[in-house]
PDB file of all heavy atoms in Angstrom:
ATOM      1  N   ARG A   1      -2.673  -5.095  -6.590  1.00  0.00           N
ATOM      2  CA  ARG A   1      -3.220  -3.919  -7.273  1.00  0.00           C
ATOM      3  C   ARG A   1      -2.138  -3.273  -8.137  1.00  0.00           C
ATOM      4  O   ARG A   1      -0.992  -3.112  -7.709  1.00  0.00           O
ATOM      5  CB  ARG A   1      -3.720  -2.906  -6.246  1.00  0.00           C
ATOM      6  CG  ARG A   1      -4.535  -1.775  -6.855  1.00  0.00           C
ATOM      7  CD  ARG A   1      -5.144  -0.940  -5.746  1.00  0.00           C
ATOM      8  NE  ARG A   1      -4.133  -0.090  -5.096  1.00  0.00           N
ATOM      9  CZ  ARG A   1      -4.344   0.615  -3.994  1.00  0.00           C
ATOM     10  NH1 ARG A   1      -5.515   0.531  -3.381  1.00  0.00           N
ATOM     11  NH2 ARG A   1      -3.401   1.386  -3.481  1.00  0.00           N
ATOM     12  N   GLY A   2      -2.545  -2.927  -9.339  1.00  0.00           N
ATOM     13  CA  GLY A   2      -1.637  -2.215 -10.234  1.00  0.00           C
ATOM     14  C   GLY A   2      -1.640  -0.730  -9.943  1.00  0.00           C
ATOM     15  O   GLY A   2      -2.480  -0.225  -9.198  1.00  0.00           O
ATOM     16  N   GLY A   3      -0.690  -0.023 -10.553  1.00  0.00           N
ATOM     17  CA  GLY A   3      -0.588   1.399 -10.346  1.00  0.00           C
ATOM     18  C   GLY A   3      -1.074   2.198 -11.540  1.00  0.00           C
ATOM     19  O   GLY A   3      -1.594   1.644 -12.515  1.00  0.00           O
ATOM     20  N   THR A   4      -0.894   3.502 -11.461  1.00  0.00           N
ATOM     21  CA  THR A   4      -1.258   4.420 -12.553  1.00  0.00           C
ATOM     22  C   THR A   4      -0.004   4.771 -13.343  1.00  0.00           C
ATOM     23  O   THR A   4       1.006   5.178 -12.759  1.00  0.00           O
ATOM     24  CB  THR A   4      -1.895   5.689 -11.986  1.00  0.00           C
ATOM     25  OG1 THR A   4      -3.055   5.327 -11.217  1.00  0.00           O
ATOM     26  CG2 THR A   4      -2.315   6.625 -13.115  1.00  0.00           C
ATOM     27  N   ALA A   5      -0.074   4.589 -14.660  1.00  0.00           N
ATOM     28  CA  ALA A   5       1.099   4.814 -15.490  1.00  0.00           C
ATOM     29  C   ALA A   5       1.526   6.275 -15.472  1.00  0.00           C
ATOM     30  O   ALA A   5       0.693   7.180 -15.603  1.00  0.00           O
ATOM     31  CB  ALA A   5       0.814   4.372 -16.924  1.00  0.00           C
ATOM     32  N   GLN A   6       2.816   6.478 -15.286  1.00  0.00           N
ATOM     33  CA  GLN A   6       3.387   7.819 -15.286  1.00  0.00           C
ATOM     34  C   GLN A   6       4.606   7.801 -16.199  1.00  0.00           C
ATOM     35  O   GLN A   6       5.520   6.990 -16.025  1.00  0.00           O
ATOM     36  CB  GLN A   6       3.779   8.220 -13.865  1.00  0.00           C
ATOM     37  CG  GLN A   6       4.405   9.604 -13.765  1.00  0.00           C
ATOM     38  CD  GLN A   6       4.644  10.002 -12.313  1.00  0.00           C
ATOM     39  OE1 GLN A   6       3.790   9.805 -11.450  1.00  0.00           O
ATOM     40  NE2 GLN A   6       5.809  10.563 -12.042  1.00  0.00           N
ATOM     41  N   ALA A   7       4.622   8.697 -17.174  1.00  0.00           N
ATOM     42  CA  ALA A   7       5.708   8.720 -18.160  1.00  0.00           C
ATOM     43  C   ALA A   7       6.930   9.439 -17.616  1.00  0.00           C
ATOM     44  O   ALA A   7       6.823  10.351 -16.788  1.00  0.00           O
ATOM     45  CB  ALA A   7       5.232   9.382 -19.444  1.00  0.00           C
ATOM     46  N   PHE A   8       8.096   9.002 -18.064  1.00  0.00           N
ATOM     47  CA  PHE A   8       9.349   9.703 -17.796  1.00  0.00           C
ATOM     48  C   PHE A   8      10.199   9.571 -19.060  1.00  0.00           C
ATOM     49  O   PHE A   8       9.901   8.744 -19.930  1.00  0.00           O
ATOM     50  CB  PHE A   8      10.063   9.119 -16.571  1.00  0.00           C
ATOM     51  CG  PHE A   8      10.450   7.670 -16.713  1.00  0.00           C
ATOM     52  CD1 PHE A   8      11.659   7.301 -17.297  1.00  0.00           C
ATOM     53  CD2 PHE A   8       9.621   6.662 -16.230  1.00  0.00           C
ATOM     54  CE1 PHE A   8      12.017   5.977 -17.422  1.00  0.00           C
ATOM     55  CE2 PHE A   8       9.974   5.333 -16.351  1.00  0.00           C
ATOM     56  CZ  PHE A   8      11.173   4.979 -16.953  1.00  0.00           C
ATOM     57  N   PRO A   9      11.230  10.373 -19.226  1.00  0.00           N
ATOM     58  CA  PRO A   9      12.036  10.298 -20.454  1.00  0.00           C
ATOM     59  C   PRO A   9      12.583   8.890 -20.688  1.00  0.00           C
ATOM     60  O   PRO A   9      13.346   8.362 -19.871  1.00  0.00           O
ATOM     61  CB  PRO A   9      13.178  11.291 -20.192  1.00  0.00           C
ATOM     62  CG  PRO A   9      12.611  12.254 -19.205  1.00  0.00           C
ATOM     63  CD  PRO A   9      11.692  11.452 -18.332  1.00  0.00           C
ATOM     64  N   GLY A  10      12.130   8.273 -21.755  1.00  0.00           N
ATOM     65  CA  GLY A  10      12.614   6.930 -22.104  1.00  0.00           C
ATOM     66  C   GLY A  10      11.775   5.790 -21.583  1.00  0.00           C
ATOM     67  O   GLY A  10      12.163   4.625 -21.738  1.00  0.00           O
ATOM     68  N   GLY A  11      10.596   6.093 -20.984  1.00  0.00           N
ATOM     69  CA  GLY A  11       9.784   4.993 -20.511  1.00  0.00           C
ATOM     70  C   GLY A  11       8.593   5.429 -19.694  1.00  0.00           C
ATOM     71  O   GLY A  11       8.185   6.586 -19.734  1.00  0.00           O
ATOM     72  N   ARG A  12       8.026   4.476 -18.936  1.00  0.00           N
ATOM     73  CA  ARG A  12       6.890   4.776 -18.067  1.00  0.00           C
ATOM     74  C   ARG A  12       6.920   3.832 -16.876  1.00  0.00           C
ATOM     75  O   ARG A  12       7.475   2.732 -16.935  1.00  0.00           O
ATOM     76  CB  ARG A  12       5.563   4.625 -18.825  1.00  0.00           C
ATOM     77  CG  ARG A  12       5.228   3.218 -19.253  1.00  0.00           C
ATOM     78  CD  ARG A  12       3.897   3.147 -20.002  1.00  0.00           C
ATOM     79  NE  ARG A  12       3.499   1.782 -20.297  1.00  0.00           N
ATOM     80  CZ  ARG A  12       3.887   1.092 -21.332  1.00  0.00           C
ATOM     81  NH1 ARG A  12       4.713   1.628 -22.232  1.00  0.00           N
ATOM     82  NH2 ARG A  12       3.463  -0.167 -21.505  1.00  0.00           N
ATOM     83  N   VAL A  13       6.307   4.264 -15.778  1.00  0.00           N
ATOM     84  CA  VAL A  13       6.268   3.459 -14.576  1.00  0.00           C
ATOM     85  C   VAL A  13       4.896   3.607 -13.931  1.00  0.00           C
ATOM     86  O   VAL A  13       4.301   4.685 -13.944  1.00  0.00           O
ATOM     87  CB  VAL A  13       7.396   3.875 -13.595  1.00  0.00           C
ATOM     88  CG1 VAL A  13       7.247   5.339 -13.196  1.00  0.00           C
ATOM     89  CG2 VAL A  13       7.386   2.986 -12.352  1.00  0.00           C
ATOM     90  N   ALA A  14       4.378   2.503 -13.394  1.00  0.00           N
ATOM     91  CA  ALA A  14       3.105   2.512 -12.696  1.00  0.00           C
ATOM     92  C   ALA A  14       3.355   2.848 -11.224  1.00  0.00           C
ATOM     93  O   ALA A  14       4.135   2.181 -10.551  1.00  0.00           O
ATOM     94  CB  ALA A  14       2.412   1.158 -12.814  1.00  0.00           C
ATOM     95  N   VAL A  15       2.697   3.900 -10.740  1.00  0.00           N
ATOM     96  CA  VAL A  15       2.905   4.341  -9.354  1.00  0.00           C
ATOM     97  C   VAL A  15       1.578   4.214  -8.592  1.00  0.00           C
ATOM     98  O   VAL A  15       0.496   4.282  -9.169  1.00  0.00           O
ATOM     99  CB  VAL A  15       3.409   5.791  -9.305  1.00  0.00           C
ATOM    100  CG1 VAL A  15       4.785   5.888  -9.933  1.00  0.00           C
ATOM    101  CG2 VAL A  15       2.430   6.731 -10.012  1.00  0.00           C
ATOM    102  N   GLY A  16       1.703   4.037  -7.280  1.00  0.00           N
ATOM    103  CA  GLY A  16       0.535   3.939  -6.428  1.00  0.00           C
ATOM    104  C   GLY A  16       0.040   2.528  -6.224  1.00  0.00           C
ATOM    105  O   GLY A  16      -0.894   2.316  -5.454  1.00  0.00           O
ATOM    106  N   GLY A  17       0.635   1.563  -6.919  1.00  0.00           N
ATOM    107  CA  GLY A  17       0.202   0.177  -6.764  1.00  0.00           C
ATOM    108  C   GLY A  17       1.228  -0.640  -6.021  1.00  0.00           C
ATOM    109  O   GLY A  17       1.986  -0.132  -5.189  1.00  0.00           O
ATOM    110  N   ASP A  18       1.260  -1.944  -6.318  1.00  0.00           N
ATOM    111  CA  ASP A  18       2.128  -2.873  -5.609  1.00  0.00           C
ATOM    112  C   ASP A  18       3.471  -3.041  -6.318  1.00  0.00           C
ATOM    113  O   ASP A  18       3.577  -2.929  -7.552  1.00  0.00           O
ATOM    114  CB  ASP A  18       1.460  -4.237  -5.486  1.00  0.00           C
ATOM    115  CG  ASP A  18       0.293  -4.222  -4.520  1.00  0.00           C
ATOM    116  OD1 ASP A  18       0.375  -3.486  -3.517  1.00  0.00           O
ATOM    117  OD2 ASP A  18      -0.690  -4.953  -4.760  1.00  0.00           O
ATOM    118  N   VAL A  19       4.479  -3.349  -5.510  1.00  0.00           N
ATOM    119  CA  VAL A  19       5.788  -3.755  -6.004  1.00  0.00           C
ATOM    120  C   VAL A  19       6.125  -5.084  -5.341  1.00  0.00           C
ATOM    121  O   VAL A  19       6.127  -5.194  -4.115  1.00  0.00           O
ATOM    122  CB  VAL A  19       6.882  -2.713  -5.677  1.00  0.00           C
ATOM    123  CG1 VAL A  19       8.247  -3.214  -6.155  1.00  0.00           C
ATOM    124  CG2 VAL A  19       6.556  -1.372  -6.311  1.00  0.00           C
ATOM    125  N   ILE A  20       6.411  -6.108  -6.169  1.00  0.00           N
ATOM    126  CA  ILE A  20       6.779  -7.435  -5.642  1.00  0.00           C
ATOM    127  C   ILE A  20       8.288  -7.466  -5.472  1.00  0.00           C
ATOM    128  O   ILE A  20       9.042  -7.311  -6.439  1.00  0.00           O
ATOM    129  CB  ILE A  20       6.308  -8.547  -6.589  1.00  0.00           C
ATOM    130  CG1 ILE A  20       4.786  -8.492  -6.784  1.00  0.00           C
ATOM    131  CG2 ILE A  20       6.727  -9.914  -6.064  1.00  0.00           C
ATOM    132  CD1 ILE A  20       4.272  -9.433  -7.872  1.00  0.00           C
ATOM    133  N   THR A  21       8.728  -7.681  -4.238  1.00  0.00           N
ATOM    134  CA  THR A  21      10.167  -7.682  -3.972  1.00  0.00           C
ATOM    135  C   THR A  21      10.738  -9.069  -3.722  1.00  0.00           C
ATOM    136  O   THR A  21      11.958  -9.256  -3.768  1.00  0.00           O
ATOM    137  CB  THR A  21      10.492  -6.798  -2.760  1.00  0.00           C
ATOM    138  OG1 THR A  21       9.804  -7.301  -1.609  1.00  0.00           O
ATOM    139  CG2 THR A  21      10.064  -5.357  -3.017  1.00  0.00           C
ATOM    140  N   ALA A  22       9.877 -10.066  -3.464  1.00  0.00           N
ATOM    141  CA  ALA A  22      10.363 -11.430  -3.235  1.00  0.00           C
ATOM    142  C   ALA A  22       9.222 -12.418  -3.456  1.00  0.00           C
ATOM    143  O   ALA A  22       8.041 -12.059  -3.336  1.00  0.00           O
ATOM    144  CB  ALA A  22      10.918 -11.577  -1.825  1.00  0.00           C
ATOM    145  N   ILE A  23       9.583 -13.647  -3.790  1.00  0.00           N
ATOM    146  CA  ILE A  23       8.623 -14.739  -3.893  1.00  0.00           C
ATOM    147  C   ILE A  23       9.213 -15.951  -3.181  1.00  0.00           C
ATOM    148  O   ILE A  23      10.325 -16.381  -3.468  1.00  0.00           O
ATOM    149  CB  ILE A  23       8.276 -15.067  -5.361  1.00  0.00           C
ATOM    150  CG1 ILE A  23       7.290 -16.247  -5.432  1.00  0.00           C
ATOM    151  CG2 ILE A  23       9.511 -15.333  -6.198  1.00  0.00           C
ATOM    152  CD1 ILE A  23       6.712 -16.491  -6.814  1.00  0.00           C
ATOM    153  N   ASP A  24       8.499 -16.443  -2.199  1.00  0.00           N
ATOM    154  CA  ASP A  24       8.970 -17.550  -1.372  1.00  0.00           C
ATOM    155  C   ASP A  24      10.375 -17.308  -0.834  1.00  0.00           C
ATOM    156  O   ASP A  24      11.217 -18.213  -0.809  1.00  0.00           O
ATOM    157  CB  ASP A  24       8.911 -18.868  -2.151  1.00  0.00           C
ATOM    158  CG  ASP A  24       7.492 -19.355  -2.359  1.00  0.00           C
ATOM    159  OD1 ASP A  24       6.590 -18.925  -1.617  1.00  0.00           O
ATOM    160  OD2 ASP A  24       7.277 -20.177  -3.273  1.00  0.00           O
ATOM    161  N   GLY A  25      10.635 -16.071  -0.446  1.00  0.00           N
ATOM    162  CA  GLY A  25      11.920 -15.716   0.137  1.00  0.00           C
ATOM    163  C   GLY A  25      13.016 -15.408  -0.835  1.00  0.00           C
ATOM    164  O   GLY A  25      14.102 -14.982  -0.424  1.00  0.00           O
ATOM    165  N   GLN A  26      12.782 -15.591  -2.142  1.00  0.00           N
ATOM    166  CA  GLN A  26      13.787 -15.305  -3.153  1.00  0.00           C
ATOM    167  C   GLN A  26      13.569 -13.910  -3.744  1.00  0.00           C
ATOM    168  O   GLN A  26      12.440 -13.545  -4.078  1.00  0.00           O
ATOM    169  CB  GLN A  26      13.724 -16.339  -4.270  1.00  0.00           C
ATOM    170  CG  GLN A  26      14.041 -17.750  -3.813  1.00  0.00           C
ATOM    171  CD  GLN A  26      15.438 -17.871  -3.216  1.00  0.00           C
ATOM    172  OE1 GLN A  26      16.413 -17.425  -3.810  1.00  0.00           O
ATOM    173  NE2 GLN A  26      15.516 -18.455  -2.041  1.00  0.00           N
ATOM    174  N   PRO A  27      14.644 -13.111  -3.883  1.00  0.00           N
ATOM    175  CA  PRO A  27      14.485 -11.737  -4.386  1.00  0.00           C
ATOM    176  C   PRO A  27      13.872 -11.703  -5.795  1.00  0.00           C
ATOM    177  O   PRO A  27      14.132 -12.576  -6.615  1.00  0.00           O
ATOM    178  CB  PRO A  27      15.927 -11.204  -4.414  1.00  0.00           C
ATOM    179  CG  PRO A  27      16.688 -12.077  -3.485  1.00  0.00           C
ATOM    180  CD  PRO A  27      16.047 -13.441  -3.557  1.00  0.00           C
ATOM    181  N   VAL A  28      13.089 -10.689  -6.032  1.00  0.00           N
ATOM    182  CA  VAL A  28      12.455 -10.457  -7.338  1.00  0.00           C
ATOM    183  C   VAL A  28      12.796  -9.056  -7.805  1.00  0.00           C
ATOM    184  O   VAL A  28      12.605  -8.092  -7.069  1.00  0.00           O
ATOM    185  CB  VAL A  28      10.917 -10.630  -7.270  1.00  0.00           C
ATOM    186  CG1 VAL A  28      10.264 -10.151  -8.572  1.00  0.00           C
ATOM    187  CG2 VAL A  28      10.555 -12.075  -6.988  1.00  0.00           C
ATOM    188  N   ASP A  29      13.335  -8.950  -9.019  1.00  0.00           N
ATOM    189  CA  ASP A  29      13.607  -7.631  -9.592  1.00  0.00           C
ATOM    190  C   ASP A  29      13.221  -7.570 -11.060  1.00  0.00           C
ATOM    191  O   ASP A  29      13.492  -6.590 -11.740  1.00  0.00           O
ATOM    192  CB  ASP A  29      15.096  -7.276  -9.434  1.00  0.00           C
ATOM    193  CG  ASP A  29      15.385  -5.831  -9.817  1.00  0.00           C
ATOM    194  OD1 ASP A  29      14.709  -4.919  -9.291  1.00  0.00           O
ATOM    195  OD2 ASP A  29      16.268  -5.604 -10.671  1.00  0.00           O
ATOM    196  N   ALA A  30      12.598  -8.627 -11.557  1.00  0.00           N
ATOM    197  CA  ALA A  30      12.189  -8.663 -12.960  1.00  0.00           C
ATOM    198  C   ALA A  30      11.111  -9.715 -13.122  1.00  0.00           C
ATOM    199  O   ALA A  30      10.936 -10.595 -12.265  1.00  0.00           O
ATOM    200  CB  ALA A  30      13.378  -8.973 -13.868  1.00  0.00           C
ATOM    201  N   LEU A  31      10.390  -9.627 -14.231  1.00  0.00           N
ATOM    202  CA  LEU A  31       9.323 -10.582 -14.499  1.00  0.00           C
ATOM    203  C   LEU A  31       9.863 -11.998 -14.583  1.00  0.00           C
ATOM    204  O   LEU A  31       9.221 -12.954 -14.149  1.00  0.00           O
ATOM    205  CB  LEU A  31       8.612 -10.206 -15.803  1.00  0.00           C
ATOM    206  CG  LEU A  31       7.245 -10.860 -16.076  1.00  0.00           C
ATOM    207  CD1 LEU A  31       6.277 -10.575 -14.944  1.00  0.00           C
ATOM    208  CD2 LEU A  31       6.688 -10.393 -17.405  1.00  0.00           C
ATOM    209  N   GLU A  32      11.082 -12.164 -15.120  1.00  0.00           N
ATOM    210  CA  GLU A  32      11.626 -13.505 -15.246  1.00  0.00           C
ATOM    211  C   GLU A  32      11.993 -14.110 -13.891  1.00  0.00           C
ATOM    212  O   GLU A  32      11.989 -15.330 -13.734  1.00  0.00           O
ATOM    213  CB  GLU A  32      12.842 -13.529 -16.175  1.00  0.00           C
ATOM    214  CG  GLU A  32      14.072 -12.863 -15.627  1.00  0.00           C
ATOM    215  CD  GLU A  32      15.280 -13.087 -16.535  1.00  0.00           C
ATOM    216  OE1 GLU A  32      15.095 -13.506 -17.689  1.00  0.00           O
ATOM    217  OE2 GLU A  32      16.405 -12.835 -16.080  1.00  0.00           O
ATOM    218  N   ASP A  33      12.281 -13.265 -12.895  1.00  0.00           N
ATOM    219  CA  ASP A  33      12.503 -13.788 -11.538  1.00  0.00           C
ATOM    220  C   ASP A  33      11.232 -14.431 -11.013  1.00  0.00           C
ATOM    221  O   ASP A  33      11.275 -15.481 -10.360  1.00  0.00           O
ATOM    222  CB  ASP A  33      12.937 -12.668 -10.596  1.00  0.00           C
ATOM    223  CG  ASP A  33      14.290 -12.084 -10.945  1.00  0.00           C
ATOM    224  OD1 ASP A  33      15.100 -12.798 -11.571  1.00  0.00           O
ATOM    225  OD2 ASP A  33      14.523 -10.912 -10.633  1.00  0.00           O
ATOM    226  N   LEU A  34      10.100 -13.808 -11.293  1.00  0.00           N
ATOM    227  CA  LEU A  34       8.816 -14.347 -10.881  1.00  0.00           C
ATOM    228  C   LEU A  34       8.535 -15.648 -11.624  1.00  0.00           C
ATOM    229  O   LEU A  34       8.113 -16.655 -11.039  1.00  0.00           O
ATOM    230  CB  LEU A  34       7.717 -13.320 -11.152  1.00  0.00           C
ATOM    231  CG  LEU A  34       6.424 -13.427 -10.356  1.00  0.00           C
ATOM    232  CD1 LEU A  34       6.669 -13.233  -8.874  1.00  0.00           C
ATOM    233  CD2 LEU A  34       5.419 -12.406 -10.866  1.00  0.00           C
ATOM    234  N   GLN A  35       8.781 -15.652 -12.937  1.00  0.00           N
ATOM    235  CA  GLN A  35       8.529 -16.839 -13.751  1.00  0.00           C
ATOM    236  C   GLN A  35       9.415 -17.996 -13.321  1.00  0.00           C
ATOM    237  O   GLN A  35       8.977 -19.157 -13.311  1.00  0.00           O
ATOM    238  CB  GLN A  35       8.770 -16.503 -15.230  1.00  0.00           C
ATOM    239  CG  GLN A  35       7.742 -15.547 -15.797  1.00  0.00           C
ATOM    240  CD  GLN A  35       8.094 -15.072 -17.193  1.00  0.00           C
ATOM    241  OE1 GLN A  35       9.254 -14.806 -17.516  1.00  0.00           O
ATOM    242  NE2 GLN A  35       7.097 -14.975 -18.053  1.00  0.00           N
TER     243      GLN A  35
END
C-alpha cells in the first residue's frame, strides 16, 4: 500500500503506507536497490 503525499521544504514524502527495508534479506534504501 502506498501512502499519502506530504510536502516538506525541498520535496515530498508519502506517509501512512509501506516502507520496503529489504528484499530477500538484502537491505533496500533506494529504488535501484530493488531493481
